C-alpha atoms as a PDB file:
ATOM      1  CA  MET A   1       0.000   0.000   0.000  1.00  0.00           C
ATOM      2  CA  GLN A   2       1.260   3.459  -0.884  1.00  0.00           C
ATOM      3  CA  PRO A   3       1.774   6.206   1.720  1.00  0.00           C
ATOM      4  CA  MET A   4      -0.945   8.850   1.788  1.00  0.00           C
ATOM      5  CA  THR A   5      -0.413  11.550  -0.818  1.00  0.00           C
ATOM      6  CA  PRO A   6      -1.154  15.177   0.017  1.00  0.00           C
ATOM      7  CA  GLY A   7      -3.905  17.003  -1.809  1.00  0.00           C
ATOM      8  CA  ILE A   8      -7.675  17.235  -2.140  1.00  0.00           C
ATOM      9  CA  THR A   9     -10.217  14.633  -3.148  1.00  0.00           C
ATOM     10  CA  LYS A  10     -12.877  16.812  -4.755  1.00  0.00           C
ATOM     11  CA  ALA A  11     -16.576  16.614  -3.913  1.00  0.00           C
ATOM     12  CA  GLY A  12     -18.414  14.092  -6.034  1.00  0.00           C
ATOM     13  CA  THR A  13     -15.243  12.133  -6.806  1.00  0.00           C
ATOM     14  CA  GLY A  14     -13.341   9.301  -5.228  1.00  0.00           C
ATOM     15  CA  ILE A  15      -9.895   7.794  -5.410  1.00  0.00           C
ATOM     16  CA  ASP A  16      -9.220   6.885  -9.065  1.00  0.00           C
ATOM     17  CA  GLY A  17     -12.914   7.432  -9.909  1.00  0.00           C
ATOM     18  CA  ILE A  18     -13.939   4.382  -7.845  1.00  0.00           C
ATOM     19  CA  VAL A  19     -17.611   3.948  -6.895  1.00  0.00           C
ATOM     20  CA  TRP A  20     -18.651   0.695  -5.192  1.00  0.00           C
ATOM     21  CA  SER A  21     -22.081  -0.867  -4.813  1.00  0.00           C
ATOM     22  CA  ILE A  22     -22.111  -2.627  -1.440  1.00  0.00           C
ATOM     23  CA  LEU A  23     -25.305  -4.269  -0.116  1.00  0.00           C
ATOM     24  CA  GLY A  24     -27.512  -1.698  -1.863  1.00  0.00           C
ATOM     25  CA  GLN A  25     -25.440   1.275  -0.708  1.00  0.00           C
ATOM     26  CA  THR A  26     -22.977   3.400  -2.668  1.00  0.00           C
ATOM     27  CA  TYR A  27     -19.454   3.816  -1.268  1.00  0.00           C
ATOM     28  CA  VAL A  28     -16.944   6.291  -2.704  1.00  0.00           C
ATOM     29  CA  PRO A  29     -13.404   5.946  -1.297  1.00  0.00           C
ATOM     30  CA  LYS A  30     -11.914   9.332  -0.382  1.00  0.00           C
ATOM     31  CA  GLN A  31      -8.615   8.530   1.374  1.00  0.00           C
ATOM     32  CA  LEU A  32      -6.432   5.439   1.684  1.00  0.00           C
ATOM     33  CA  SER A  33      -3.215   4.720   3.543  1.00  0.00           C
ATOM     34  CA  GLU A  34      -1.997   1.895   5.726  1.00  0.00           C
ATOM     35  CA  GLU A  35      -3.020   3.865   8.817  1.00  0.00           C
ATOM     36  CA  SER A  36      -6.575   4.816   7.746  1.00  0.00           C
ATOM     37  CA  PHE A  37      -9.239   4.457   5.084  1.00  0.00           C
ATOM     38  CA  ALA A  38     -12.174   6.854   4.542  1.00  0.00           C
ATOM     39  CA  TRP A  39     -15.222   6.757   2.270  1.00  0.00           C
ATOM     40  CA  HIS A  40     -18.474   8.583   1.600  1.00  0.00           C
ATOM     41  CA  ALA A  41     -21.557   6.373   1.895  1.00  0.00           C
ATOM     42  CA  THR A  42     -25.097   6.764   0.613  1.00  0.00           C
ATOM     43  CA  PHE A  43     -27.735   4.534   2.242  1.00  0.00           C
ATOM     44  CA  PRO A  44     -31.048   4.476   0.336  1.00  0.00           C
ATOM     45  CA  SER A  45     -34.179   3.990   2.428  1.00  0.00           C
ATOM     46  CA  GLY A  46     -34.460   0.438   3.759  1.00  0.00           C
ATOM     47  CA  THR A  47     -30.787  -0.483   3.331  1.00  0.00           C
ATOM     48  CA  PHE A  48     -28.550  -1.642   6.164  1.00  0.00           C
ATOM     49  CA  VAL A  49     -25.234  -3.123   7.196  1.00  0.00           C
ATOM     50  CA  PRO A  50     -25.976  -6.300   9.184  1.00  0.00           C
ATOM     51  CA  PRO A  51     -24.486  -6.715  12.671  1.00  0.00           C
ATOM     52  CA  HIS A  52     -20.771  -7.417  12.500  1.00  0.00           C
ATOM     53  CA  ILE A  53     -17.458  -6.986  14.309  1.00  0.00           C
ATOM     54  CA  HIS A  54     -14.174  -5.459  13.152  1.00  0.00           C
ATOM     55  CA  PRO A  55     -11.659  -7.306  15.364  1.00  0.00           C
ATOM     56  CA  THR A  56      -8.693  -5.265  14.092  1.00  0.00           C
ATOM     57  CA  GLN A  57     -10.088  -1.752  13.436  1.00  0.00           C
ATOM     58  CA  ASP A  58     -11.805   1.185  15.054  1.00  0.00           C
ATOM     59  CA  GLU A  59     -14.597   2.592  12.876  1.00  0.00           C
ATOM     60  CA  PHE A  60     -16.188   6.053  12.858  1.00  0.00           C
ATOM     61  CA  ILE A  61     -19.139   7.579  10.998  1.00  0.00           C
ATOM     62  CA  TYR A  62     -19.878  11.291  10.643  1.00  0.00           C
ATOM     63  CA  MET A  63     -23.529  11.859   9.752  1.00  0.00           C
ATOM     64  CA  LEU A  64     -24.121  14.349   6.939  1.00  0.00           C
ATOM     65  CA  GLU A  65     -27.835  13.864   6.121  1.00  0.00           C
ATOM     66  CA  GLY A  66     -30.684  11.714   7.383  1.00  0.00           C
ATOM     67  CA  ARG A  67     -30.949   9.292  10.274  1.00  0.00           C
ATOM     68  CA  LEU A  68     -29.206   5.974  10.907  1.00  0.00           C
ATOM     69  CA  ASP A  69     -30.428   3.586  13.545  1.00  0.00           C
ATOM     70  CA  ALA A  70     -27.587   1.618  15.086  1.00  0.00           C
ATOM     71  CA  VAL A  71     -27.317  -1.398  17.333  1.00  0.00           C
ATOM     72  CA  ILE A  72     -24.004  -1.078  19.166  1.00  0.00           C
ATOM     73  CA  ASP A  73     -22.995  -3.767  21.636  1.00  0.00           C
ATOM     74  CA  GLY A  74     -26.657  -4.765  22.001  1.00  0.00           C
ATOM     75  CA  ARG A  75     -27.951  -1.217  22.641  1.00  0.00           C
ATOM     76  CA  ASP A  76     -30.127   0.850  20.279  1.00  0.00           C
ATOM     77  CA  PHE A  77     -29.004   4.306  19.130  1.00  0.00           C
ATOM     78  CA  ALA A  78     -30.069   6.864  16.524  1.00  0.00           C
ATOM     79  CA  ALA A  79     -27.719   9.294  14.783  1.00  0.00           C
ATOM     80  CA  THR A  80     -28.590  12.352  12.685  1.00  0.00           C
ATOM     81  CA  ALA A  81     -26.709  15.097  10.828  1.00  0.00           C
ATOM     82  CA  GLY A  82     -23.665  16.322  12.761  1.00  0.00           C
ATOM     83  CA  ASP A  83     -23.434  13.244  15.006  1.00  0.00           C
ATOM     84  CA  VAL A  84     -20.389  10.969  15.139  1.00  0.00           C
ATOM     85  CA  ILE A  85     -20.878   7.232  15.639  1.00  0.00           C
ATOM     86  CA  LYS A  86     -17.877   5.629  17.385  1.00  0.00           C
ATOM     87  CA  LEU A  87     -17.376   1.876  16.937  1.00  0.00           C
ATOM     88  CA  PRO A  88     -14.324   0.541  18.786  1.00  0.00           C
ATOM     89  CA  MET A  89     -12.694  -2.631  17.483  1.00  0.00           C
ATOM     90  CA  GLY A  90     -14.226  -5.814  18.814  1.00  0.00           C
ATOM     91  CA  ILE A  91     -17.641  -4.212  19.536  1.00  0.00           C
ATOM     92  CA  PRO A  92     -20.582  -5.685  17.569  1.00  0.00           C
ATOM     93  CA  HIS A  93     -22.600  -3.162  15.574  1.00  0.00           C
ATOM     94  CA  GLY A  94     -25.192  -2.915  12.796  1.00  0.00           C
ATOM     95  CA  LEU A  95     -26.474   0.117  10.878  1.00  0.00           C
ATOM     96  CA  PHE A  96     -29.997   0.556   9.500  1.00  0.00           C
ATOM     97  CA  ASN A  97     -31.750   3.216   7.432  1.00  0.00           C
ATOM     98  CA  LYS A  98     -35.316   2.680   8.628  1.00  0.00           C
ATOM     99  CA  SER A  99     -36.449   6.096   7.396  1.00  0.00           C
ATOM    100  CA  ASP A 100     -38.005   7.054   4.072  1.00  0.00           C
ATOM    101  CA  GLN A 101     -35.069   9.365   3.282  1.00  0.00           C
ATOM    102  CA  THR A 102     -31.590   8.735   1.918  1.00  0.00           C
ATOM    103  CA  VAL A 103     -28.749   8.842   4.450  1.00  0.00           C
ATOM    104  CA  LYS A 104     -25.375  10.349   3.561  1.00  0.00           C
ATOM    105  CA  CYS A 105     -22.419   9.885   5.850  1.00  0.00           C
ATOM    106  CA  PHE A 106     -18.638   9.771   5.987  1.00  0.00           C
ATOM    107  CA  PHE A 107     -16.922   6.634   7.325  1.00  0.00           C
ATOM    108  CA  TRP A 108     -13.342   6.030   8.335  1.00  0.00           C
ATOM    109  CA  VAL A 109     -11.443   3.154   9.905  1.00  0.00           C
ATOM    110  CA  THR A 110      -8.044   2.904  11.521  1.00  0.00           C
ATOM    111  CA  PRO A 111      -5.918   1.037  10.646  1.00  0.00           C
ATOM    112  CA  THR A 112      -6.992   0.140   7.100  1.00  0.00           C
ATOM    113  CA  ARG A 113      -6.124  -3.571   7.373  1.00  0.00           C
ATOM    114  CA  LYS A 114      -8.126  -5.492   4.719  1.00  0.00           C
ATOM    115  CA  LEU A 115     -11.300  -3.402   4.459  1.00  0.00           C
ATOM    116  CA  TYR A 116     -10.466  -1.656   1.168  1.00  0.00           C
ATOM    117  CA  ASP A 117      -9.814  -5.065  -0.409  1.00  0.00           C
ATOM    118  CA  LEU A 118     -13.055  -6.431   1.060  1.00  0.00           C
ATOM    119  CA  PHE A 119     -15.089  -3.648  -0.549  1.00  0.00           C
ATOM    120  CA  TRP A 120     -13.523  -4.444  -3.943  1.00  0.00           C
ATOM    121  CA  ALA A 121     -14.307  -8.137  -3.427  1.00  0.00           C
ATOM    122  CA  ILE A 122     -17.968  -7.521  -2.459  1.00  0.00           C
ATOM    123  CA  HIS A 123     -18.457  -4.999  -5.284  1.00  0.00           C
ATOM    124  CA  SER A 124     -17.044  -7.556  -7.733  1.00  0.00           C
ATOM    125  CA  MET A 125     -19.411 -10.370  -6.685  1.00  0.00           C
ATOM    126  CA  LYS A 126     -21.874 -11.433  -9.383  1.00  0.00           C
ATOM    127  CA  GLU A 127     -24.601 -11.509  -6.706  1.00  0.00           C
ATOM    128  CA  GLN A 128     -24.233 -10.098  -3.208  1.00  0.00           C
ATOM    129  CA  ASN A 129     -26.279 -12.784  -1.466  1.00  0.00           C
ATOM    130  CA  PRO A 130     -25.925 -12.823   2.335  1.00  0.00           C
ATOM    131  CA  PRO A 131     -24.260 -16.238   2.873  1.00  0.00           C
ATOM    132  CA  ASP A 132     -21.556 -15.489   0.289  1.00  0.00           C
ATOM    133  CA  VAL A 133     -20.946 -11.960   1.622  1.00  0.00           C
ATOM    134  CA  VAL A 134     -20.635 -13.328   5.165  1.00  0.00           C
ATOM    135  CA  ALA A 135     -18.152 -16.030   4.111  1.00  0.00           C
ATOM    136  CA  LEU A 136     -16.112 -13.600   2.034  1.00  0.00           C
ATOM    137  CA  SER A 137     -16.028 -10.965   4.783  1.00  0.00           C
ATOM    138  CA  ALA A 138     -14.608 -13.381   7.331  1.00  0.00           C
ATOM    139  CA  ARG A 139     -11.545 -13.788   5.107  1.00  0.00           C
ATOM    140  CA  TYR A 140     -11.053  -9.995   5.268  1.00  0.00           C
ATOM    141  CA  GLU A 141     -11.324  -9.553   9.068  1.00  0.00           C
ATOM    142  CA  VAL A 142     -15.026  -8.600   9.257  1.00  0.00           C
ATOM    143  CA  ASN A 143     -17.147 -11.076  11.187  1.00  0.00           C
ATOM    144  CA  PHE A 144     -20.910 -10.924  10.574  1.00  0.00           C
ATOM    145  CA  LEU A 145     -23.300 -11.928  13.370  1.00  0.00           C
ATOM    146  CA  PRO A 146     -26.865 -13.251  13.384  1.00  0.00           C
ATOM    147  CA  PRO A 147     -29.421 -10.459  12.798  1.00  0.00           C
ATOM    148  CA  PRO A 148     -31.006  -8.861  15.881  1.00  0.00           C
ATOM    149  CA  ALA A 149     -34.343 -10.211  17.062  1.00  0.00           C
END
């Protein structure tokens, strides 16, 4: 992995023009180095990231628009524009857009580990069916859990 290069990633663009489709959401990578990885995410109404654990990364989300419901370590939370969601490594969490509006937010993880490669792998799947995504993710240090009751 290359060291981070100085400069600006312009609005509406990502690293090398990359745009991923991940579980019905759109992810646009904005920054990548060994120490951290950041991306803009758009969650259409009804989309979600199932409960999972990052055993080797801390994850953060800055809310730009809309509302995300989160289950973090078994507790329910709601985040709206201006809020920061903090997800320490090893803590189970899931994210859900239960509203009728699109959510826009900015994610980052530290360190990067294998997450950038996982997003490429999921985006490249012919079909993103849950059992295959779960199996693939485990090989990239993201462990999915059973859905909440």
